[in-house]
Amino acid sequence: MKKLRIVSYAINGRGVGHLVRQLSILRWVRRYAALLGVNAEVWVLTTSEADTLARREGVPAFKMPSKIMMRDAGIEPTRWLAVARQWVMNAIAGLSPDVLVVDTFPGGSFGELLSVLEMVPARVLVARAVRDQIAGDDAYRALLPMYQRTVIPDERGVGPILIREREELLDRDTARAALGVPAGRRAAYVTLGGGGDEMCARVLPPLTDKLVARGWHVVVGAGPLYMGPERRGPNITWMDRYVPLELLPGVDAAVSAGGYNAVTELMFAGVPTVFLPQPRIADDQEERARAAAAAGAGRLATSIDEIPDLLEAPGDPEAARALVPANGARAAAAEVLAAALPAADVAMAQSVLSPLAWARAQRLGASALELVSLVAGDAPSVHKDHDAVIAMHLGADAVPSRRSQPASARVDRFLRIAEAARPPGDTALSIVRGLRKKFPTASLDGVVDACEVLFPAWARFDDWMGAVSLVNALPIQRGMALADAAGAIAGWLAREDDLFDALRSFARLEGNGARPLPDVLRSLGAPTNGVGAEA
């Protein structure tokens, strides 16, 4: 199995936006890579004080204190810069990545990447929008050619990068229950970013009190850096960190700063928002908030006294969703992988593993991605190499025809079949593997056709291990087509009441491979339509 090591650079202060963006990309990188039979080893370098987010997503993170953390500890800035630069250089040299993914600043937050960029074969920049004076700076622009690929989250079809797809969001009732929102009570989510600003301690407690008094259940995402007073009690859900995106369908409205991740997540989830933008060096929060308000998705506040009234008519949920209609994490992940893998392979993975396909596959269980990979078939580059070897040794006429459905259509059809029959993922994987082994001339489309016939026949017994046992008991076939076998087996089982008893009858007649499968099935009363090889 090919191995690919990817390091994401998410060093930009102690907040969470840059880290969430990188984790969002890495989630899809791992999915696509697994589908293509590539072992993607991913790492994150970060100064975010919310580095536990990486652990939640199963991504190992190297954590260094942020500039503000070091300042608060009384460490001289020059000392911190010297340590930080050496730390980054050593980390990248030690990990020796095949791909380096850098967030926002091409030279690093403090210029420390200049000495290491050329150490990495493939480099991808996630160029989130920055203020004009930074984007126009000569030093900033001079470093852009150092990257083979650039992902611009709000342009060229990529879109904002989010950590969950819409298919991964919880339904309203489940989300409200998880947030502790009482039945019949309006819920407002209040967040001002990571919580490290002094104003958070001044604003969050009194604003919570004001909104509770106006009849809201208030869900507070205080942020991982919040050190101020808290509010606990009826109609308050105080969270020490943040409200995960998947829970946002449980609230009716929000109060938020204008940070990139907060705004895009709220709009994506269709939560109309009253914005209280905060000043930032590289990020124009007010412009982002004004754009959302102009679209009818929110309102703009200048003080907390205005917020309770504005929250009575915060905006239109559909207008919010229209601002962020899709998640760009998949497209960004494809750009990252295409820096090191064949473009055709990455395009195939992207077409096969849509958010809906991923959601359906997850419902099958832990083996779902391996199962999808098996049904999708080999990547285009593997097909090409395989055909070249056959043509060289056996002649061009021996190259098998590849006339079949696109892999994406085949996977979609299989997942629909499995969703209706509901076999456990590991069982479905064993069945597909078994059918391919027992009918080696069958195409992948033929295997899916067989599953469409066999899964309903097995589902009525509610004995999926028995189904696996039956497939394992079949002799390897080079004469009877899989389509004929599937129809005959389904016809036989339709007259059976117990799969265990049916298996005993099959084993007795089959005689450990002594009789041809068509003869056995005829003896069981199954109709057989032919014994020709499958096309």
Protein backbone atom coordinates (compact mmCIF):
# COMPACT_ATOMS: atom_id res chain seq x y z
CA MET A 1 0.00 0.00 0.00
CA LYS A 2 1.32 3.43 -0.96
CA LYS A 3 2.01 5.70 2.01
CA LEU A 4 1.55 9.46 1.97
CA ARG A 5 2.62 11.70 4.86
CA ILE A 6 0.84 15.06 5.08
CA VAL A 7 1.63 17.83 7.58
CA SER A 8 -0.82 20.69 8.07
CA TYR A 9 0.51 23.99 9.33
CA ALA A 10 -2.19 25.65 11.45
CA ILE A 11 -0.17 28.28 13.31
CA ASN A 12 -1.98 31.61 13.49
CA GLY A 13 -2.59 32.68 17.06
CA ARG A 14 -4.45 30.79 19.74
CA GLY A 15 -7.90 30.76 18.12
CA VAL A 16 -9.63 27.84 16.42
CA GLY A 17 -10.43 28.95 12.86
CA HIS A 18 -7.20 27.93 11.17
CA LEU A 19 -7.11 24.60 13.02
CA VAL A 20 -10.72 23.74 12.17
CA ARG A 21 -10.07 24.55 8.52
CA GLN A 22 -7.10 22.20 8.36
CA LEU A 23 -8.89 19.40 10.20
CA SER A 24 -11.84 19.77 7.84
CA ILE A 25 -9.55 19.17 4.87
CA LEU A 26 -7.71 16.28 6.52
CA ARG A 27 -10.95 14.41 7.24
CA TRP A 28 -11.68 14.18 3.52
CA VAL A 29 -8.03 13.58 2.64
CA ARG A 30 -8.09 10.41 4.73
CA ARG A 31 -11.39 9.25 3.24
CA TYR A 32 -10.27 9.72 -0.35
CA ALA A 33 -6.87 8.17 0.33
CA ALA A 34 -8.42 5.08 1.93
CA LEU A 35 -10.74 4.69 -1.05
CA LEU A 36 -7.69 4.74 -3.34
CA GLY A 37 -5.74 2.25 -1.23
CA VAL A 38 -3.33 4.90 0.06
CA ASN A 39 -2.27 5.06 3.70
CA ALA A 40 -2.50 8.76 4.52
CA GLU A 41 -0.53 9.64 7.63
CA VAL A 42 -1.63 13.13 8.70
CA TRP A 43 -0.21 15.52 11.30
CA VAL A 44 -1.00 19.04 12.46
CA LEU A 45 1.32 21.74 13.79
CA THR A 46 -0.60 24.37 15.75
CA THR A 47 -0.50 27.10 18.36
CA SER A 48 -4.24 26.93 18.95
CA GLU A 49 -5.26 26.50 22.56
CA ALA A 50 -8.10 24.33 21.22
CA ASP A 51 -5.75 21.59 20.04
CA THR A 52 -8.06 18.99 21.59
CA LEU A 53 -10.16 19.49 18.45
CA ALA A 54 -7.49 17.51 16.62
CA ARG A 55 -7.80 14.66 19.10
CA ARG A 56 -11.57 14.65 18.60
CA GLU A 57 -11.02 14.10 14.88
CA GLY A 58 -8.31 11.48 15.44
CA VAL A 59 -5.48 13.64 14.10
CA PRO A 60 -2.18 13.79 16.04
CA ALA A 61 -1.18 17.40 16.76
CA PHE A 62 2.09 19.02 17.79
CA LYS A 63 1.16 21.96 20.02
CA MET A 64 3.30 25.03 20.67
CA PRO A 65 2.23 27.93 22.92
CA SER A 66 0.80 30.89 21.03
CA LYS A 67 2.37 34.34 20.98
CA ILE A 68 -0.23 35.63 23.41
CA MET A 69 0.30 32.69 25.75
CA MET A 70 4.03 33.37 25.82
CA ARG A 71 3.42 37.07 26.33
CA ASP A 72 1.14 36.33 29.28
CA ALA A 73 3.88 34.10 30.71
CA GLY A 74 6.33 37.01 30.57
CA ILE A 75 8.61 35.50 27.91
CA GLU A 76 10.39 37.99 25.65
CA PRO A 77 9.05 38.05 22.05
CA THR A 78 12.53 37.63 20.56
CA ARG A 79 13.09 34.52 22.68
CA TRP A 80 9.74 33.08 21.64
CA LEU A 81 10.39 33.76 17.94
CA ALA A 82 13.76 32.04 18.09
CA VAL A 83 12.29 28.97 19.77
CA ALA A 84 9.24 28.90 17.47
CA ARG A 85 11.27 29.06 14.28
CA GLN A 86 13.57 26.28 15.40
CA TRP A 87 10.62 24.20 16.60
CA VAL A 88 8.80 24.42 13.27
CA MET A 89 11.93 23.63 11.29
CA ASN A 90 12.74 20.60 13.46
CA ALA A 91 9.15 19.33 13.37
CA ILE A 92 8.92 19.48 9.57
CA ALA A 93 12.40 18.02 9.11
CA GLY A 94 11.60 15.19 11.53
CA LEU A 95 8.23 14.34 10.01
CA SER A 96 9.61 14.63 6.46
CA PRO A 97 6.20 15.11 4.81
CA ASP A 98 5.36 14.38 1.20
CA VAL A 99 2.87 17.26 1.29
CA LEU A 100 2.86 20.40 3.43
CA VAL A 101 -0.48 22.23 3.73
CA VAL A 102 -0.11 25.80 5.00
CA ASP A 103 -2.98 27.94 6.23
CA THR A 104 -3.24 31.66 5.27
CA PHE A 105 0.36 32.88 5.48
CA PRO A 106 2.72 31.46 2.80
CA GLY A 107 5.85 32.28 4.80
CA GLY A 108 4.39 31.21 8.12
CA SER A 109 2.96 33.42 10.84
CA PHE A 110 6.41 34.76 11.69
CA GLY A 111 8.42 33.95 8.57
CA GLU A 112 9.70 30.64 9.89
CA LEU A 113 8.65 28.59 6.84
CA LEU A 114 11.11 30.30 4.51
CA SER A 115 13.89 27.90 5.46
CA VAL A 116 11.83 24.70 5.18
CA LEU A 117 9.50 25.04 2.19
CA GLU A 118 11.96 23.56 -0.27
CA MET A 119 12.47 20.54 2.00
CA VAL A 120 8.95 19.33 1.10
CA PRO A 121 8.23 17.87 -2.37
CA ALA A 122 4.63 19.14 -2.61
CA ARG A 123 3.28 22.32 -1.03
CA VAL A 124 -0.34 23.53 -0.89
CA LEU A 125 -1.46 26.93 0.38
CA VAL A 126 -4.96 27.42 1.82
CA ALA A 127 -5.19 31.12 1.04
CA ARG A 128 -8.04 32.40 3.15
CA ALA A 129 -8.96 36.01 2.43
CA VAL A 130 -6.87 38.57 4.33
CA ARG A 131 -7.03 42.35 4.47
CA ASP A 132 -6.03 44.17 1.28
CA GLN A 133 -2.88 45.64 2.80
CA ILE A 134 -1.59 42.13 3.60
CA ALA A 135 -2.66 40.56 0.29
CA GLY A 136 -0.98 43.40 -1.61
CA ASP A 137 2.28 43.25 0.33
CA ASP A 138 5.25 42.42 -1.92
CA ALA A 139 6.73 39.94 0.56
CA TYR A 140 3.40 38.09 0.80
CA ARG A 141 2.96 37.89 -2.97
CA ALA A 142 6.58 36.88 -3.60
CA LEU A 143 6.07 33.63 -1.67
CA LEU A 144 2.96 32.46 -3.53
CA PRO A 145 4.95 30.82 -6.40
CA MET A 146 6.59 28.55 -3.79
CA TYR A 147 3.34 26.56 -3.70
CA GLN A 148 2.41 24.16 -6.48
CA ARG A 149 -1.27 24.45 -5.59
CA THR A 150 -3.35 27.17 -3.96
CA VAL A 151 -6.80 26.61 -2.47
CA ILE A 152 -8.88 29.77 -2.15
CA PRO A 153 -11.82 28.85 0.11
CA ASP A 154 -14.30 31.41 -1.24
CA GLU A 155 -13.44 31.26 -4.94
CA ARG A 156 -13.13 28.95 -7.95
CA GLY A 157 -15.81 26.55 -6.78
CA VAL A 158 -14.08 25.50 -3.56
CA GLY A 159 -16.36 27.38 -1.16
CA PRO A 160 -15.96 27.91 2.60
CA ILE A 161 -14.25 25.00 4.35
CA LEU A 162 -16.27 23.42 7.16
CA ILE A 163 -15.71 20.46 9.44
CA ARG A 164 -19.11 18.80 8.82
CA GLU A 165 -21.29 18.19 5.78
CA ARG A 166 -25.01 18.92 5.88
CA GLU A 167 -25.60 15.17 5.90
CA GLU A 168 -23.66 15.03 9.20
CA LEU A 169 -25.78 17.64 10.99
CA LEU A 170 -28.19 16.32 13.59
CA ASP A 171 -31.92 16.77 13.23
CA ARG A 172 -33.51 19.57 15.28
CA ASP A 173 -34.98 17.43 18.07
CA THR A 174 -31.78 15.42 18.60
CA ALA A 175 -29.66 18.58 18.61
CA ARG A 176 -31.96 20.37 21.07
CA ALA A 177 -31.86 17.39 23.40
CA ALA A 178 -28.04 17.33 23.26
CA LEU A 179 -27.95 21.06 24.07
CA GLY A 180 -30.42 20.75 26.94
CA VAL A 181 -33.05 23.04 25.37
CA PRO A 182 -36.48 22.55 27.00
CA ALA A 183 -39.47 21.79 24.81
CA GLY A 184 -41.26 24.88 23.55
CA ARG A 185 -38.44 27.30 24.46
CA ARG A 186 -36.63 29.46 21.92
CA ALA A 187 -32.89 28.80 21.82
CA ALA A 188 -30.15 31.32 21.04
CA TYR A 189 -26.49 30.45 20.61
CA VAL A 190 -24.05 33.09 21.90
CA THR A 191 -20.37 33.02 20.94
CA LEU A 192 -17.63 35.63 20.63
CA GLY A 193 -14.89 33.43 19.24
CA GLY A 194 -12.22 31.61 21.19
CA GLY A 195 -12.96 33.57 24.38
CA GLY A 196 -9.49 34.97 24.86
CA ASP A 197 -10.43 38.63 24.36
CA GLU A 198 -10.92 40.72 27.47
CA MET A 199 -14.30 41.89 26.19
CA CYS A 200 -15.67 38.31 26.26
CA ALA A 201 -15.60 38.33 30.07
CA ARG A 202 -17.41 41.67 30.07
CA VAL A 203 -20.06 40.73 27.52
CA LEU A 204 -20.99 37.05 27.82
CA PRO A 205 -22.43 36.99 31.39
CA PRO A 206 -24.62 40.13 31.16
CA LEU A 207 -25.76 39.30 27.64
CA THR A 208 -26.78 35.83 28.80
CA ASP A 209 -28.84 37.38 31.61
CA LYS A 210 -30.56 39.79 29.21
CA LEU A 211 -31.56 37.04 26.79
CA VAL A 212 -32.84 34.67 29.49
CA ALA A 213 -34.99 37.53 30.77
CA ARG A 214 -36.46 37.89 27.26
CA GLY A 215 -37.57 34.26 27.16
CA TRP A 216 -34.63 32.60 25.42
CA HIS A 217 -32.81 29.44 26.38
CA VAL A 218 -29.21 30.58 25.93
CA VAL A 219 -26.51 28.21 24.70
CA VAL A 220 -23.15 29.85 25.40
CA GLY A 221 -20.05 28.76 23.51
CA ALA A 222 -17.59 30.52 25.81
CA GLY A 223 -14.56 29.26 23.91
CA PRO A 224 -11.47 27.31 25.02
CA LEU A 225 -9.68 30.51 26.11
CA TYR A 226 -12.45 31.99 28.25
CA MET A 227 -11.34 32.85 31.80
CA GLY A 228 -14.19 35.10 32.97
CA PRO A 229 -17.26 34.53 35.16
CA GLU A 230 -19.80 31.93 34.08
CA ARG A 231 -23.56 31.64 34.26
CA ARG A 232 -25.21 28.40 35.33
CA GLY A 233 -28.87 27.78 35.95
CA PRO A 234 -32.28 27.31 34.34
CA ASN A 235 -32.45 28.09 30.63
CA ILE A 236 -28.67 28.34 30.29
CA THR A 237 -26.37 25.80 28.68
CA TRP A 238 -22.85 27.06 29.34
CA MET A 239 -20.22 25.24 27.28
CA ASP A 240 -16.56 25.72 28.13
CA ARG A 241 -15.47 25.40 24.52
CA TYR A 242 -17.86 25.82 21.60
CA VAL A 243 -21.00 24.36 20.09
CA PRO A 244 -20.05 21.78 17.43
CA LEU A 245 -21.44 22.48 13.98
CA GLU A 246 -23.55 19.34 14.02
CA LEU A 247 -25.58 20.74 16.96
CA LEU A 248 -26.41 24.13 15.40
CA PRO A 249 -29.75 22.91 13.95
CA GLY A 250 -30.93 22.88 17.59
CA VAL A 251 -30.92 26.69 17.94
CA ASP A 252 -33.28 29.29 16.45
CA ALA A 253 -30.88 32.22 16.27
CA ALA A 254 -27.39 33.27 17.31
CA VAL A 255 -25.26 36.14 18.54
CA SER A 256 -21.72 35.96 17.20
CA ALA A 257 -18.56 37.85 16.42
CA GLY A 258 -17.66 38.00 12.73
CA GLY A 259 -14.90 35.38 12.57
CA TYR A 260 -14.59 33.32 9.41
CA ASN A 261 -15.46 29.92 10.88
CA ALA A 262 -18.25 31.17 13.12
CA VAL A 263 -20.01 33.03 10.31
CA THR A 264 -19.68 30.27 7.72
CA GLU A 265 -20.81 27.56 10.16
CA LEU A 266 -23.86 29.54 11.28
CA MET A 267 -24.86 30.39 7.72
CA PHE A 268 -24.27 26.80 6.56
CA ALA A 269 -26.58 25.52 9.31
CA GLY A 270 -29.21 28.15 8.48
CA VAL A 271 -28.98 30.04 11.79
CA PRO A 272 -29.87 33.76 11.41
CA THR A 273 -27.42 35.76 13.49
CA VAL A 274 -26.96 39.09 15.21
CA PHE A 275 -23.31 40.00 14.63
CA LEU A 276 -21.02 41.85 17.01
CA PRO A 277 -17.78 42.07 14.95
CA GLN A 278 -14.40 42.29 16.68
CA PRO A 279 -11.24 44.07 15.41
CA ARG A 280 -8.54 41.76 14.03
CA ILE A 281 -5.19 42.43 12.36
CA ALA A 282 -5.63 40.28 9.24
CA ASP A 283 -9.35 39.54 9.28
CA ASP A 284 -12.10 42.05 8.43
CA GLN A 285 -14.93 40.75 10.61
CA GLU A 286 -17.14 43.78 10.05
CA GLU A 287 -17.12 43.40 6.27
CA ARG A 288 -18.08 39.72 6.60
CA ALA A 289 -20.89 40.53 9.03
CA ARG A 290 -22.21 43.37 6.85
CA ALA A 291 -22.34 41.04 3.83
CA ALA A 292 -24.44 38.52 5.80
CA ALA A 293 -26.76 41.25 7.05
CA ALA A 294 -27.15 42.69 3.53
CA ALA A 295 -28.19 39.24 2.31
CA GLY A 296 -30.97 39.09 4.90
CA ALA A 297 -29.23 36.40 6.96
CA GLY A 298 -28.47 38.52 10.02
CA ARG A 299 -28.37 41.87 11.74
CA LEU A 300 -25.48 44.08 12.77
CA ALA A 301 -25.15 45.28 16.38
CA THR A 302 -22.86 47.96 17.76
CA SER A 303 -23.52 47.26 21.46
CA ILE A 304 -24.98 44.51 23.61
CA ASP A 305 -27.94 46.70 24.53
CA GLU A 306 -29.24 46.42 20.96
CA ILE A 307 -28.94 42.66 20.76
CA PRO A 308 -32.15 41.49 22.54
CA ASP A 309 -34.35 43.59 20.24
CA LEU A 310 -32.42 42.64 17.10
CA LEU A 311 -32.67 38.99 18.05
CA GLU A 312 -36.47 39.14 17.80
CA ALA A 313 -36.07 39.38 14.01
CA PRO A 314 -32.53 38.15 13.31
CA GLY A 315 -32.96 37.21 9.65
CA ASP A 316 -34.06 34.44 7.31
CA PRO A 317 -32.68 30.87 7.70
CA GLU A 318 -32.95 30.23 3.96
CA ALA A 319 -31.01 33.40 3.21
CA ALA A 320 -28.31 32.15 5.59
CA ARG A 321 -28.09 28.76 3.85
CA ALA A 322 -27.93 30.46 0.47
CA LEU A 323 -24.77 32.32 1.56
CA VAL A 324 -22.95 29.02 2.22
CA PRO A 325 -24.70 26.46 -0.01
CA ALA A 326 -21.93 23.83 0.15
CA ASN A 327 -18.85 22.77 2.06
CA GLY A 328 -15.54 23.26 0.27
CA ALA A 329 -13.59 20.74 2.36
CA ARG A 330 -13.96 17.98 -0.27
CA ALA A 331 -12.66 20.15 -3.08
CA ALA A 332 -9.79 21.38 -0.92
CA ALA A 333 -8.88 17.80 0.04
CA ALA A 334 -8.84 16.83 -3.64
CA GLU A 335 -6.40 19.69 -4.36
CA VAL A 336 -4.14 18.49 -1.54
CA LEU A 337 -4.09 14.90 -2.74
CA ALA A 338 -3.67 15.89 -6.38
CA ALA A 339 -0.36 17.46 -5.39
CA ALA A 340 1.01 13.94 -4.80
CA LEU A 341 -1.33 11.42 -6.51
CA PRO A 342 -2.53 11.00 -10.13
CA ALA A 343 -5.24 13.56 -10.87
CA ALA A 344 -7.50 10.92 -12.46
CA ASP A 345 -7.38 8.81 -9.28
CA VAL A 346 -8.32 11.78 -7.10
CA ALA A 347 -11.14 12.76 -9.46
CA MET A 348 -12.49 9.21 -9.27
CA ALA A 349 -12.44 9.26 -5.46
CA GLN A 350 -14.16 12.64 -5.39
CA SER A 351 -16.92 11.45 -7.73
CA VAL A 352 -17.50 8.21 -5.81
CA LEU A 353 -17.45 9.52 -2.26
CA SER A 354 -19.99 12.31 -2.18
CA PRO A 355 -21.28 13.54 1.21
CA LEU A 356 -24.48 11.54 0.67
CA ALA A 357 -22.54 8.40 -0.23
CA TRP A 358 -20.36 8.86 2.84
CA ALA A 359 -23.42 9.27 5.09
CA ARG A 360 -25.03 6.15 3.64
CA ALA A 361 -21.82 4.17 3.97
CA GLN A 362 -21.39 5.21 7.60
CA ARG A 363 -24.78 3.76 8.44
CA LEU A 364 -23.46 0.36 7.35
CA GLY A 365 -20.78 0.35 10.05
CA ALA A 366 -17.02 0.32 10.52
CA SER A 367 -16.15 -1.57 7.33
CA ALA A 368 -18.08 0.84 5.13
CA LEU A 369 -15.16 2.62 3.45
CA GLU A 370 -13.43 -0.65 2.62
CA LEU A 371 -16.70 -1.91 1.18
CA VAL A 372 -17.15 1.22 -0.96
CA SER A 373 -13.58 0.84 -2.22
CA LEU A 374 -14.25 -2.78 -3.17
CA VAL A 375 -17.41 -1.90 -5.09
CA ALA A 376 -15.82 1.13 -6.76
CA GLY A 377 -12.94 -0.92 -8.11
CA ASP A 378 -9.34 0.02 -8.78
CA ALA A 379 -8.23 3.59 -9.40
CA PRO A 380 -7.69 4.64 -13.05
CA SER A 381 -3.90 4.51 -12.69
CA VAL A 382 -4.11 0.89 -11.48
CA HIS A 383 -6.34 -0.02 -14.44
CA LYS A 384 -3.88 1.57 -16.82
CA ASP A 385 -0.89 -0.27 -15.37
CA HIS A 386 -2.81 -3.55 -15.25
CA ASP A 387 -3.89 -3.28 -18.88
CA ALA A 388 -0.36 -2.39 -19.98
CA VAL A 389 1.05 -5.54 -18.34
CA ILE A 390 -1.59 -7.77 -19.96
CA ALA A 391 -1.09 -6.19 -23.37
CA MET A 392 2.69 -6.63 -23.13
CA HIS A 393 2.53 -10.32 -22.21
CA LEU A 394 -0.63 -11.52 -23.93
CA GLY A 395 -1.30 -8.98 -26.65
CA ALA A 396 -3.72 -6.08 -26.93
CA ASP A 397 -6.68 -8.38 -27.69
CA ALA A 398 -6.38 -9.89 -24.20
CA VAL A 399 -7.10 -6.57 -22.44
CA PRO A 400 -10.56 -6.99 -20.88
CA SER A 401 -13.39 -4.70 -21.86
CA ARG A 402 -14.15 -2.06 -19.28
CA ARG A 403 -17.64 -1.27 -20.51
CA SER A 404 -19.53 -0.72 -17.28
CA GLN A 405 -21.24 1.89 -15.18
CA PRO A 406 -19.11 4.70 -13.80
CA ALA A 407 -17.78 3.80 -10.35
CA SER A 408 -19.86 6.56 -8.75
CA ALA A 409 -23.12 5.17 -10.20
CA ARG A 410 -22.20 1.61 -9.18
CA VAL A 411 -21.40 2.67 -5.60
CA ASP A 412 -24.58 4.74 -5.36
CA ARG A 413 -26.68 1.78 -6.53
CA PHE A 414 -24.98 -0.62 -4.14
CA LEU A 415 -25.46 1.71 -1.17
CA ARG A 416 -29.16 2.04 -2.00
CA ILE A 417 -29.46 -1.75 -2.10
CA ALA A 418 -27.63 -2.12 1.22
CA GLU A 419 -29.63 0.68 2.82
CA ALA A 420 -32.87 -1.14 1.99
CA ALA A 421 -31.67 -4.57 3.19
CA ARG A 422 -29.59 -3.28 6.15
CA PRO A 423 -26.82 -5.88 6.39
CA PRO A 424 -24.04 -5.05 8.86
CA GLY A 425 -21.08 -3.46 7.06
CA ASP A 426 -18.61 -6.25 7.86
CA THR A 427 -21.12 -8.86 6.67
CA ALA A 428 -21.80 -6.98 3.42
CA LEU A 429 -18.03 -6.75 2.91
CA SER A 430 -17.66 -10.53 3.36
CA ILE A 431 -20.51 -11.20 0.92
CA VAL A 432 -19.09 -8.95 -1.82
CA ARG A 433 -15.62 -10.40 -1.36
CA GLY A 434 -17.06 -13.91 -1.44
CA LEU A 435 -19.05 -13.30 -4.61
CA ARG A 436 -16.00 -11.89 -6.38
CA LYS A 437 -13.94 -14.89 -5.28
CA LYS A 438 -16.53 -17.53 -6.21
CA PHE A 439 -17.38 -15.90 -9.56
CA PRO A 440 -13.99 -14.62 -10.76
CA THR A 441 -15.23 -13.72 -14.26
CA ALA A 442 -18.05 -11.52 -12.93
CA SER A 443 -17.74 -7.78 -13.40
CA LEU A 444 -18.26 -5.39 -10.52
CA ASP A 445 -21.55 -4.35 -12.08
CA GLY A 446 -22.49 -8.03 -12.14
CA VAL A 447 -21.67 -8.35 -8.43
CA VAL A 448 -23.91 -5.37 -7.62
CA ASP A 449 -26.67 -6.86 -9.81
CA ALA A 450 -26.38 -10.07 -7.79
CA CYS A 451 -26.55 -8.17 -4.50
CA GLU A 452 -29.74 -6.49 -5.72
CA VAL A 453 -31.29 -9.94 -6.08
CA LEU A 454 -29.70 -11.70 -3.09
CA PHE A 455 -29.82 -9.07 -0.34
CA PRO A 456 -33.65 -8.98 -0.18
CA ALA A 457 -33.72 -12.79 -0.26
CA TRP A 458 -31.39 -12.94 2.73
CA ALA A 459 -32.91 -9.98 4.60
CA ARG A 460 -36.16 -11.80 5.37
CA PHE A 461 -34.27 -14.45 7.38
CA ASP A 462 -32.48 -11.84 9.55
CA ASP A 463 -29.46 -14.16 9.54
CA TRP A 464 -26.66 -12.35 7.75
CA MET A 465 -23.96 -14.69 9.02
CA GLY A 466 -25.93 -17.48 7.40
CA ALA A 467 -25.76 -15.52 4.15
CA VAL A 468 -21.98 -15.33 4.47
CA SER A 469 -21.85 -19.07 5.15
CA LEU A 470 -23.86 -19.77 2.00
CA VAL A 471 -21.55 -17.65 -0.17
CA ASN A 472 -18.52 -19.37 1.36
CA ALA A 473 -20.06 -22.76 0.64
CA LEU A 474 -20.42 -22.02 -3.09
CA PRO A 475 -17.79 -23.70 -5.28
CA ILE A 476 -15.69 -21.44 -7.48
CA GLN A 477 -17.62 -21.01 -10.74
CA ARG A 478 -16.22 -20.80 -14.23
CA GLY A 479 -19.31 -22.04 -16.01
CA MET A 480 -22.43 -20.68 -14.29
CA ALA A 481 -22.89 -16.94 -14.59
CA LEU A 482 -23.34 -14.97 -11.40
CA ALA A 483 -26.62 -13.49 -12.62
CA ASP A 484 -28.02 -17.00 -13.18
CA ALA A 485 -26.72 -18.21 -9.82
CA ALA A 486 -28.18 -15.22 -7.95
CA GLY A 487 -31.60 -15.69 -9.53
CA ALA A 488 -31.59 -19.41 -8.80
CA ILE A 489 -30.48 -18.97 -5.18
CA ALA A 490 -33.13 -16.29 -4.57
CA GLY A 491 -35.79 -18.52 -6.12
CA TRP A 492 -34.76 -21.46 -3.94
CA LEU A 493 -34.63 -19.39 -0.74
CA ALA A 494 -38.08 -17.92 -1.43
CA ARG A 495 -39.50 -21.37 -0.64
CA GLU A 496 -37.44 -21.85 2.53
CA ASP A 497 -38.47 -20.88 6.05
CA ASP A 498 -35.14 -21.19 7.86
CA LEU A 499 -31.73 -20.29 6.42
CA PHE A 500 -29.89 -22.71 8.70
CA ASP A 501 -31.99 -25.65 7.44
CA ALA A 502 -31.54 -24.43 3.87
CA LEU A 503 -27.77 -24.41 4.33
CA ARG A 504 -27.83 -27.98 5.65
CA SER A 505 -29.75 -29.12 2.57
CA PHE A 506 -27.31 -27.30 0.29
CA ALA A 507 -24.25 -28.82 2.00
CA ARG A 508 -25.70 -32.33 1.75
CA LEU A 509 -26.43 -32.04 -1.96
CA GLU A 510 -23.28 -30.12 -2.87
CA GLY A 511 -21.05 -32.79 -1.36
CA ASN A 512 -18.00 -30.60 -0.78
CA GLY A 513 -17.72 -29.54 -4.40
CA ALA A 514 -18.47 -32.94 -5.94
CA ARG A 515 -21.50 -31.73 -7.92
CA PRO A 516 -21.76 -28.72 -10.25
CA LEU A 517 -23.64 -25.79 -8.78
CA PRO A 518 -26.44 -25.83 -11.41
CA ASP A 519 -27.19 -29.48 -10.58
CA VAL A 520 -27.29 -28.73 -6.85
CA LEU A 521 -29.66 -25.81 -7.31
CA ARG A 522 -31.94 -27.86 -9.58
CA SER A 523 -32.06 -30.57 -6.91
CA LEU A 524 -33.15 -27.91 -4.44
CA GLY A 525 -35.97 -26.91 -6.74
CA ALA A 526 -34.36 -23.69 -7.97
CA PRO A 527 -34.94 -22.56 -11.57
CA THR A 528 -31.66 -22.34 -13.51
CA ASN A 529 -31.59 -20.45 -16.76
CA GLY A 530 -28.19 -21.38 -18.11
CA VAL A 531 -24.63 -22.25 -17.38
CA GLY A 532 -22.81 -19.89 -19.73
CA ALA A 533 -19.96 -17.71 -18.54
CA GLU A 534 -20.91 -14.19 -17.56
CA ALA A 535 -20.14 -11.46 -20.07
